[in-house]
Amino acid sequence: DRVEFNEINWSYPQITIEVFVTSVGSSDNGSIVTLAGGKDDTLEVMGLYDDSQAANPGERNSGAQIVGKSGFANVSAPIGTGVRQHRALVFDGSHMHYYVNGIWQGKRASAAREAMLWKFNLLKIGCSADDKKFFEGQIDQVRISKVARYNDNFAPIT
C-alpha cells in the first residue's frame, strides 16, 4: 500500500525516517519506507529496506538509501530475522547516517538537487517507489521528522 501527499519543500534539509520492524528470513528483498519525488534527472529518494539474501545462506542485510544531487548512495548492516529492530535513516544536511537498534552503522554524503530543498510527494510503506520490492515481515511503527533526530549512538524508545 502507499500513501500520497502534496509536495513538501524541505527548506531545512534535516530528515529522520525511523521504524520498528521484524524481518522474515525467507524474503528476497523489500522496501520498508520510501519517500520519493521527481523523475529521471530530478529523482530524489530516501528510504529504509531489507536487502536480498547474501551469498551465505541465512545472512541478510538491511540498509538506508538516498538519491539526490550526488546520485545513489546506501549504507547496509546485517539484520536479525524474526527479531524486532529499530532502524533509522538520519539526514543531517550533508550526510545520511544509518542506525540499527541505536548503533551507528555508517554514513554517506549527499545533497538535495535544488540547494537545500528536498521535494518529496510520495510516501510508501511496505513497498519501493516503483512498486517492485515489497517488504515481508511486520512494520510496527513509522516516524518521519523534519530534524536530524540522532547524531550519536542512542537507546531507542521501545
N, C-alpha and C. Protein backbone atom coordinates (compact mmCIF):
# COMPACT_ATOMS: atom_id res chain seq x y z
N ASP A 1 0.84 -1.18 0.00
CA ASP A 1 0.00 0.00 0.00
C ASP A 1 0.87 1.23 0.00
N ARG A 2 0.31 2.33 -0.39
CA ARG A 2 1.05 3.58 -0.37
C ARG A 2 0.16 4.73 0.05
N VAL A 3 0.80 5.75 0.56
CA VAL A 3 0.11 6.98 0.92
C VAL A 3 0.75 8.09 0.11
N GLU A 4 -0.04 8.90 -0.56
CA GLU A 4 0.49 10.03 -1.31
C GLU A 4 0.08 11.31 -0.60
N PHE A 5 1.00 12.29 -0.62
CA PHE A 5 0.67 13.58 -0.02
C PHE A 5 1.21 14.68 -0.90
N ASN A 6 0.72 15.92 -0.70
CA ASN A 6 1.13 17.06 -1.52
C ASN A 6 2.61 17.34 -1.37
N GLU A 7 3.19 17.95 -2.41
CA GLU A 7 4.62 18.27 -2.40
C GLU A 7 4.98 19.11 -1.19
N ILE A 8 6.06 18.73 -0.55
CA ILE A 8 6.57 19.46 0.61
C ILE A 8 7.97 19.92 0.27
N ASN A 9 8.29 21.17 0.48
CA ASN A 9 9.64 21.68 0.30
C ASN A 9 10.34 21.63 1.63
N TRP A 10 11.37 20.83 1.72
CA TRP A 10 12.13 20.72 2.96
C TRP A 10 13.15 21.84 2.96
N SER A 11 12.78 23.00 3.49
CA SER A 11 13.64 24.18 3.42
C SER A 11 14.86 24.05 4.34
N TYR A 12 14.78 23.23 5.32
CA TYR A 12 15.93 22.93 6.16
C TYR A 12 16.13 21.44 6.09
N PRO A 13 17.11 20.97 5.32
CA PRO A 13 17.15 19.57 4.91
C PRO A 13 17.65 18.59 5.97
N GLN A 14 16.98 18.56 7.06
CA GLN A 14 17.27 17.53 8.06
C GLN A 14 16.05 16.65 8.16
N ILE A 15 16.26 15.37 7.94
CA ILE A 15 15.14 14.43 7.91
C ILE A 15 15.53 13.17 8.67
N THR A 16 14.61 12.64 9.44
CA THR A 16 14.80 11.35 10.09
C THR A 16 13.63 10.45 9.71
N ILE A 17 13.95 9.26 9.22
CA ILE A 17 12.94 8.23 8.97
C ILE A 17 13.31 7.08 9.89
N GLU A 18 12.37 6.69 10.76
CA GLU A 18 12.67 5.58 11.66
C GLU A 18 11.49 4.63 11.76
N VAL A 19 11.83 3.35 11.98
CA VAL A 19 10.81 2.31 12.03
C VAL A 19 11.19 1.26 13.07
N PHE A 20 10.19 0.55 13.55
CA PHE A 20 10.38 -0.70 14.28
C PHE A 20 9.87 -1.79 13.35
N VAL A 21 10.72 -2.78 13.04
CA VAL A 21 10.34 -3.84 12.11
C VAL A 21 10.81 -5.20 12.60
N THR A 22 10.12 -6.22 12.13
CA THR A 22 10.55 -7.61 12.30
C THR A 22 10.61 -8.20 10.90
N SER A 23 11.82 -8.55 10.44
CA SER A 23 12.00 -9.07 9.09
C SER A 23 11.84 -10.59 9.06
N VAL A 24 11.38 -11.08 7.91
CA VAL A 24 11.23 -12.50 7.68
C VAL A 24 12.49 -13.00 6.99
N GLY A 25 13.01 -14.14 7.41
CA GLY A 25 14.25 -14.66 6.86
C GLY A 25 14.18 -15.11 5.43
N SER A 26 13.02 -15.49 4.94
CA SER A 26 12.91 -16.05 3.60
C SER A 26 12.67 -15.01 2.51
N SER A 27 12.55 -13.74 2.88
CA SER A 27 12.27 -12.70 1.90
C SER A 27 13.50 -12.41 1.04
N ASP A 28 13.31 -12.13 -0.24
CA ASP A 28 14.42 -11.77 -1.12
C ASP A 28 14.89 -10.34 -0.86
N ASN A 29 13.99 -9.42 -0.84
CA ASN A 29 14.30 -8.02 -0.56
C ASN A 29 13.00 -7.28 -0.36
N GLY A 30 13.09 -6.03 0.04
CA GLY A 30 11.87 -5.27 0.19
C GLY A 30 12.11 -3.92 0.81
N SER A 31 11.34 -2.94 0.35
CA SER A 31 11.41 -1.61 0.90
C SER A 31 10.46 -1.49 2.07
N ILE A 32 10.95 -0.90 3.14
CA ILE A 32 10.13 -0.72 4.34
C ILE A 32 9.40 0.61 4.26
N VAL A 33 10.15 1.70 4.09
CA VAL A 33 9.59 3.03 3.97
C VAL A 33 10.36 3.76 2.87
N THR A 34 9.64 4.42 1.96
CA THR A 34 10.26 5.18 0.89
C THR A 34 9.60 6.53 0.77
N LEU A 35 10.40 7.60 0.81
CA LEU A 35 9.96 8.94 0.45
C LEU A 35 10.55 9.22 -0.93
N ALA A 36 9.74 9.67 -1.88
CA ALA A 36 10.24 9.89 -3.23
C ALA A 36 9.59 11.11 -3.86
N GLY A 37 10.28 11.65 -4.85
CA GLY A 37 9.77 12.77 -5.62
C GLY A 37 10.57 12.92 -6.89
N GLY A 38 9.97 13.51 -7.91
CA GLY A 38 10.66 13.73 -9.17
C GLY A 38 10.76 12.48 -10.02
N LYS A 39 11.38 12.63 -11.18
CA LYS A 39 11.59 11.52 -12.11
C LYS A 39 12.93 11.71 -12.81
N ASP A 40 13.51 10.62 -13.24
CA ASP A 40 14.74 10.63 -14.03
C ASP A 40 15.80 11.54 -13.43
N ASP A 41 16.11 12.67 -14.10
CA ASP A 41 17.18 13.57 -13.64
C ASP A 41 16.80 14.37 -12.40
N THR A 42 15.54 14.38 -12.04
CA THR A 42 15.13 15.12 -10.84
C THR A 42 14.75 14.19 -9.69
N LEU A 43 14.96 12.89 -9.86
CA LEU A 43 14.56 11.91 -8.85
C LEU A 43 15.27 12.16 -7.51
N GLU A 44 14.50 12.14 -6.44
CA GLU A 44 15.02 12.22 -5.08
C GLU A 44 14.34 11.13 -4.26
N VAL A 45 15.13 10.35 -3.51
CA VAL A 45 14.60 9.24 -2.72
C VAL A 45 15.35 9.14 -1.40
N MET A 46 14.63 8.83 -0.34
CA MET A 46 15.20 8.40 0.92
C MET A 46 14.39 7.21 1.37
N GLY A 47 15.06 6.17 1.89
CA GLY A 47 14.29 5.02 2.32
C GLY A 47 15.09 4.01 3.12
N LEU A 48 14.34 3.13 3.77
CA LEU A 48 14.89 2.01 4.52
C LEU A 48 14.43 0.72 3.86
N TYR A 49 15.29 -0.31 3.84
CA TYR A 49 14.97 -1.53 3.11
C TYR A 49 15.66 -2.74 3.73
N ASP A 50 15.21 -3.92 3.31
CA ASP A 50 15.91 -5.19 3.53
C ASP A 50 16.53 -5.58 2.20
N ASP A 51 17.77 -6.05 2.23
CA ASP A 51 18.48 -6.39 1.01
C ASP A 51 18.28 -7.86 0.70
N SER A 52 18.58 -8.21 -0.55
CA SER A 52 18.44 -9.61 -0.97
C SER A 52 19.38 -10.50 -0.16
N GLN A 53 19.09 -11.77 -0.15
CA GLN A 53 19.88 -12.72 0.63
C GLN A 53 21.33 -12.71 0.17
N ALA A 54 22.23 -12.71 1.12
CA ALA A 54 23.66 -12.70 0.83
C ALA A 54 24.09 -14.06 0.28
N ALA A 55 25.34 -14.13 -0.14
CA ALA A 55 25.88 -15.38 -0.71
C ALA A 55 25.84 -16.52 0.29
N ASN A 56 25.99 -16.21 1.55
CA ASN A 56 25.94 -17.25 2.59
C ASN A 56 24.50 -17.41 3.08
N PRO A 57 23.95 -18.62 3.02
CA PRO A 57 22.57 -18.84 3.46
C PRO A 57 22.36 -18.37 4.90
N GLY A 58 21.22 -17.72 5.10
CA GLY A 58 20.88 -17.25 6.44
C GLY A 58 21.40 -15.87 6.76
N GLU A 59 22.25 -15.29 5.90
CA GLU A 59 22.76 -13.94 6.11
C GLU A 59 22.02 -12.96 5.22
N ARG A 60 21.55 -11.88 5.82
CA ARG A 60 20.84 -10.84 5.07
C ARG A 60 21.30 -9.49 5.57
N ASN A 61 21.03 -8.46 4.79
CA ASN A 61 21.38 -7.10 5.16
C ASN A 61 20.15 -6.21 5.19
N SER A 62 20.24 -5.17 5.99
CA SER A 62 19.27 -4.10 5.98
C SER A 62 20.02 -2.87 5.50
N GLY A 63 19.30 -1.82 5.17
CA GLY A 63 20.01 -0.65 4.73
C GLY A 63 19.17 0.60 4.65
N ALA A 64 19.89 1.70 4.39
CA ALA A 64 19.28 3.00 4.15
C ALA A 64 19.82 3.49 2.82
N GLN A 65 18.96 4.17 2.05
CA GLN A 65 19.41 4.67 0.76
C GLN A 65 18.97 6.11 0.57
N ILE A 66 19.74 6.81 -0.26
CA ILE A 66 19.41 8.19 -0.59
C ILE A 66 19.79 8.44 -2.04
N VAL A 67 18.96 9.17 -2.75
CA VAL A 67 19.25 9.58 -4.11
C VAL A 67 18.99 11.08 -4.16
N GLY A 68 20.01 11.84 -4.54
CA GLY A 68 19.90 13.29 -4.64
C GLY A 68 20.87 13.80 -5.68
N LYS A 69 21.36 14.99 -5.47
CA LYS A 69 22.29 15.62 -6.40
C LYS A 69 23.54 14.77 -6.61
N SER A 70 23.99 14.08 -5.57
CA SER A 70 25.21 13.27 -5.65
C SER A 70 24.97 11.87 -6.21
N GLY A 71 23.76 11.56 -6.64
CA GLY A 71 23.45 10.23 -7.13
C GLY A 71 23.03 9.30 -6.02
N PHE A 72 23.10 7.99 -6.29
CA PHE A 72 22.64 6.96 -5.36
C PHE A 72 23.73 6.64 -4.34
N ALA A 73 23.33 6.50 -3.09
CA ALA A 73 24.26 6.06 -2.03
C ALA A 73 23.47 5.23 -1.03
N ASN A 74 24.11 4.22 -0.45
CA ASN A 74 23.44 3.44 0.59
C ASN A 74 24.45 2.99 1.64
N VAL A 75 23.92 2.64 2.79
CA VAL A 75 24.68 2.07 3.90
C VAL A 75 23.93 0.81 4.31
N SER A 76 24.64 -0.29 4.54
CA SER A 76 23.95 -1.52 4.93
C SER A 76 24.58 -2.11 6.17
N ALA A 77 23.84 -3.03 6.80
CA ALA A 77 24.28 -3.71 8.01
C ALA A 77 23.55 -5.04 8.09
N PRO A 78 24.12 -6.02 8.80
CA PRO A 78 23.43 -7.31 8.97
C PRO A 78 22.10 -7.12 9.71
N ILE A 79 21.12 -7.95 9.37
CA ILE A 79 19.86 -7.90 10.10
C ILE A 79 19.63 -9.22 10.82
N GLY A 80 18.84 -9.14 11.85
CA GLY A 80 18.39 -10.34 12.55
C GLY A 80 16.97 -10.64 12.09
N THR A 81 16.74 -11.79 11.52
CA THR A 81 15.39 -12.13 11.09
C THR A 81 14.61 -12.68 12.27
N GLY A 82 13.34 -12.35 12.29
CA GLY A 82 12.46 -12.80 13.36
C GLY A 82 12.67 -12.03 14.66
N VAL A 83 13.45 -10.96 14.62
CA VAL A 83 13.74 -10.15 15.81
C VAL A 83 13.31 -8.72 15.53
N ARG A 84 12.60 -8.12 16.47
CA ARG A 84 12.16 -6.73 16.32
C ARG A 84 13.37 -5.81 16.41
N GLN A 85 13.52 -4.92 15.41
CA GLN A 85 14.63 -3.99 15.37
C GLN A 85 14.14 -2.57 15.14
N HIS A 86 14.88 -1.62 15.70
CA HIS A 86 14.67 -0.20 15.40
C HIS A 86 15.70 0.18 14.35
N ARG A 87 15.25 0.81 13.26
CA ARG A 87 16.15 1.26 12.21
C ARG A 87 15.87 2.72 11.92
N ALA A 88 16.94 3.49 11.70
CA ALA A 88 16.77 4.92 11.45
C ALA A 88 17.71 5.42 10.36
N LEU A 89 17.16 6.20 9.44
CA LEU A 89 17.92 6.96 8.46
C LEU A 89 17.87 8.39 8.94
N VAL A 90 19.02 9.02 9.10
CA VAL A 90 19.10 10.41 9.54
C VAL A 90 19.88 11.20 8.51
N PHE A 91 19.26 12.23 7.92
CA PHE A 91 19.97 13.12 7.01
C PHE A 91 20.19 14.43 7.74
N ASP A 92 21.46 14.81 7.94
CA ASP A 92 21.79 15.98 8.75
C ASP A 92 22.07 17.24 7.95
N GLY A 93 21.80 17.22 6.66
CA GLY A 93 22.05 18.37 5.81
C GLY A 93 23.18 18.12 4.83
N SER A 94 24.06 17.18 5.15
CA SER A 94 25.15 16.86 4.23
C SER A 94 25.45 15.36 4.16
N HIS A 95 25.01 14.60 5.16
CA HIS A 95 25.27 13.16 5.19
C HIS A 95 24.03 12.38 5.63
N MET A 96 23.88 11.19 5.04
CA MET A 96 22.87 10.25 5.50
C MET A 96 23.57 9.29 6.48
N HIS A 97 23.01 9.14 7.65
CA HIS A 97 23.52 8.21 8.66
C HIS A 97 22.52 7.08 8.82
N TYR A 98 23.00 5.88 9.12
CA TYR A 98 22.13 4.73 9.31
C TYR A 98 22.41 4.10 10.67
N TYR A 99 21.33 3.83 11.42
CA TYR A 99 21.41 3.24 12.76
C TYR A 99 20.54 1.99 12.82
N VAL A 100 21.02 0.96 13.48
CA VAL A 100 20.23 -0.22 13.78
C VAL A 100 20.26 -0.40 15.29
N ASN A 101 19.08 -0.41 15.91
CA ASN A 101 18.95 -0.52 17.37
C ASN A 101 19.80 0.53 18.08
N GLY A 102 19.86 1.73 17.49
CA GLY A 102 20.57 2.84 18.10
C GLY A 102 22.07 2.85 17.89
N ILE A 103 22.60 1.89 17.15
CA ILE A 103 24.04 1.82 16.92
C ILE A 103 24.34 2.27 15.50
N TRP A 104 25.23 3.26 15.39
CA TRP A 104 25.59 3.85 14.11
C TRP A 104 26.26 2.81 13.22
N GLN A 105 25.80 2.71 11.96
CA GLN A 105 26.33 1.72 11.02
C GLN A 105 27.21 2.34 9.94
N GLY A 106 27.07 3.65 9.70
CA GLY A 106 27.86 4.30 8.67
C GLY A 106 27.15 5.52 8.12
N LYS A 107 27.85 6.23 7.20
CA LYS A 107 27.26 7.42 6.60
C LYS A 107 27.71 7.56 5.16
N ARG A 108 26.95 8.34 4.39
CA ARG A 108 27.28 8.66 3.01
C ARG A 108 26.92 10.13 2.78
N ALA A 109 27.76 10.83 2.00
CA ALA A 109 27.49 12.22 1.66
C ALA A 109 26.39 12.29 0.61
N SER A 110 25.56 13.34 0.68
CA SER A 110 24.53 13.57 -0.31
C SER A 110 24.02 14.99 -0.17
N ALA A 111 23.23 15.42 -1.15
CA ALA A 111 22.63 16.75 -1.13
C ALA A 111 21.34 16.72 -1.94
N ALA A 112 20.43 17.63 -1.60
CA ALA A 112 19.21 17.79 -2.39
C ALA A 112 19.59 18.35 -3.76
N ARG A 113 18.73 18.13 -4.75
CA ARG A 113 19.03 18.57 -6.11
C ARG A 113 18.98 20.09 -6.25
N GLU A 114 18.09 20.76 -5.51
CA GLU A 114 17.95 22.21 -5.60
C GLU A 114 18.33 22.83 -4.25
N ALA A 115 19.55 23.32 -4.17
CA ALA A 115 20.04 23.98 -2.96
C ALA A 115 19.73 23.12 -1.75
N MET A 116 18.85 23.58 -0.87
CA MET A 116 18.53 22.83 0.34
C MET A 116 17.09 22.35 0.34
N LEU A 117 16.49 22.21 -0.83
CA LEU A 117 15.07 21.89 -0.90
C LEU A 117 14.83 20.47 -1.39
N TRP A 118 14.47 19.56 -0.49
CA TRP A 118 14.04 18.22 -0.88
C TRP A 118 12.58 18.33 -1.29
N LYS A 119 12.20 17.69 -2.38
CA LYS A 119 10.82 17.76 -2.85
C LYS A 119 10.25 16.36 -2.94
N PHE A 120 9.63 15.92 -1.87
CA PHE A 120 9.00 14.61 -1.84
C PHE A 120 7.50 14.77 -2.00
N ASN A 121 6.90 13.93 -2.82
CA ASN A 121 5.45 13.96 -2.96
C ASN A 121 4.83 12.58 -2.86
N LEU A 122 5.64 11.60 -2.43
CA LEU A 122 5.12 10.25 -2.32
C LEU A 122 5.75 9.55 -1.12
N LEU A 123 4.92 8.99 -0.30
CA LEU A 123 5.36 8.17 0.83
C LEU A 123 4.81 6.78 0.61
N LYS A 124 5.69 5.78 0.65
CA LYS A 124 5.24 4.39 0.52
C LYS A 124 5.75 3.62 1.73
N ILE A 125 4.87 2.85 2.29
CA ILE A 125 5.22 1.98 3.41
C ILE A 125 4.98 0.55 2.95
N GLY A 126 6.03 -0.28 3.03
CA GLY A 126 5.91 -1.68 2.65
C GLY A 126 6.27 -2.00 1.22
N CYS A 127 6.57 -0.96 0.39
CA CYS A 127 6.99 -1.23 -0.98
C CYS A 127 7.86 -0.09 -1.49
N SER A 128 8.60 -0.37 -2.56
CA SER A 128 9.50 0.62 -3.14
C SER A 128 8.72 1.63 -3.98
N ALA A 129 9.40 2.71 -4.38
CA ALA A 129 8.75 3.75 -5.17
C ALA A 129 8.23 3.22 -6.50
N ASP A 130 8.89 2.19 -7.06
CA ASP A 130 8.46 1.63 -8.34
C ASP A 130 7.51 0.43 -8.19
N ASP A 131 7.08 0.17 -6.96
CA ASP A 131 6.14 -0.93 -6.67
C ASP A 131 6.69 -2.30 -7.04
N LYS A 132 8.02 -2.50 -6.99
CA LYS A 132 8.61 -3.78 -7.36
C LYS A 132 9.18 -4.56 -6.19
N LYS A 133 9.48 -3.90 -5.09
CA LYS A 133 10.12 -4.57 -3.96
C LYS A 133 9.24 -4.40 -2.72
N PHE A 134 8.62 -5.50 -2.30
CA PHE A 134 7.69 -5.47 -1.18
C PHE A 134 8.34 -6.06 0.06
N PHE A 135 8.16 -5.39 1.17
CA PHE A 135 8.72 -5.84 2.44
C PHE A 135 7.91 -7.02 2.96
N GLU A 136 8.62 -8.04 3.47
CA GLU A 136 7.96 -9.18 4.10
C GLU A 136 8.35 -9.19 5.57
N GLY A 137 7.37 -9.08 6.41
CA GLY A 137 7.59 -9.03 7.84
C GLY A 137 6.56 -8.12 8.48
N GLN A 138 6.88 -7.60 9.63
CA GLN A 138 5.95 -6.75 10.36
C GLN A 138 6.56 -5.38 10.57
N ILE A 139 5.80 -4.34 10.23
CA ILE A 139 6.19 -2.96 10.48
C ILE A 139 5.34 -2.47 11.64
N ASP A 140 5.99 -2.20 12.78
CA ASP A 140 5.26 -1.78 13.97
C ASP A 140 4.98 -0.29 14.00
N GLN A 141 6.00 0.52 13.72
CA GLN A 141 5.86 1.97 13.80
C GLN A 141 6.69 2.62 12.72
N VAL A 142 6.21 3.77 12.24
CA VAL A 142 6.97 4.60 11.31
C VAL A 142 6.88 6.02 11.82
N ARG A 143 8.04 6.71 11.88
CA ARG A 143 8.05 8.12 12.27
C ARG A 143 8.98 8.86 11.32
N ILE A 144 8.48 9.95 10.73
CA ILE A 144 9.27 10.80 9.85
C ILE A 144 9.29 12.18 10.47
N SER A 145 10.50 12.72 10.63
CA SER A 145 10.67 14.02 11.28
C SER A 145 11.47 14.95 10.39
N LYS A 146 11.24 16.26 10.51
CA LYS A 146 11.97 17.26 9.76
C LYS A 146 13.21 17.73 10.53
N VAL A 147 13.79 16.86 11.32
CA VAL A 147 15.00 17.17 12.08
C VAL A 147 15.94 15.97 12.00
N ALA A 148 17.23 16.22 12.24
CA ALA A 148 18.19 15.13 12.39
C ALA A 148 18.11 14.69 13.84
N ARG A 149 17.27 13.72 14.10
CA ARG A 149 16.92 13.34 15.46
C ARG A 149 18.09 12.72 16.24
N TYR A 150 19.02 12.05 15.58
CA TYR A 150 20.13 11.39 16.26
C TYR A 150 21.45 11.79 15.63
N ASN A 151 22.48 12.01 16.44
CA ASN A 151 23.81 12.32 15.92
C ASN A 151 24.89 11.47 16.59
N ASP A 152 24.47 10.49 17.36
CA ASP A 152 25.38 9.57 18.06
C ASP A 152 24.59 8.32 18.40
N ASN A 153 25.25 7.30 18.89
CA ASN A 153 24.53 6.10 19.33
C ASN A 153 23.48 6.50 20.35
N PHE A 154 22.36 5.78 20.39
CA PHE A 154 21.26 6.12 21.28
C PHE A 154 20.50 4.87 21.66
N ALA A 155 19.68 4.98 22.68
CA ALA A 155 18.81 3.86 23.09
C ALA A 155 17.41 4.13 22.54
N PRO A 156 16.94 3.33 21.56
CA PRO A 156 15.60 3.55 21.03
C PRO A 156 14.53 3.37 22.09
N ILE A 157 13.51 4.18 22.01
CA ILE A 157 12.37 4.02 22.91
C ILE A 157 11.61 2.79 22.45
N THR A 158 11.35 1.87 23.35
CA THR A 158 10.68 0.64 22.97
C THR A 158 9.24 0.75 23.27
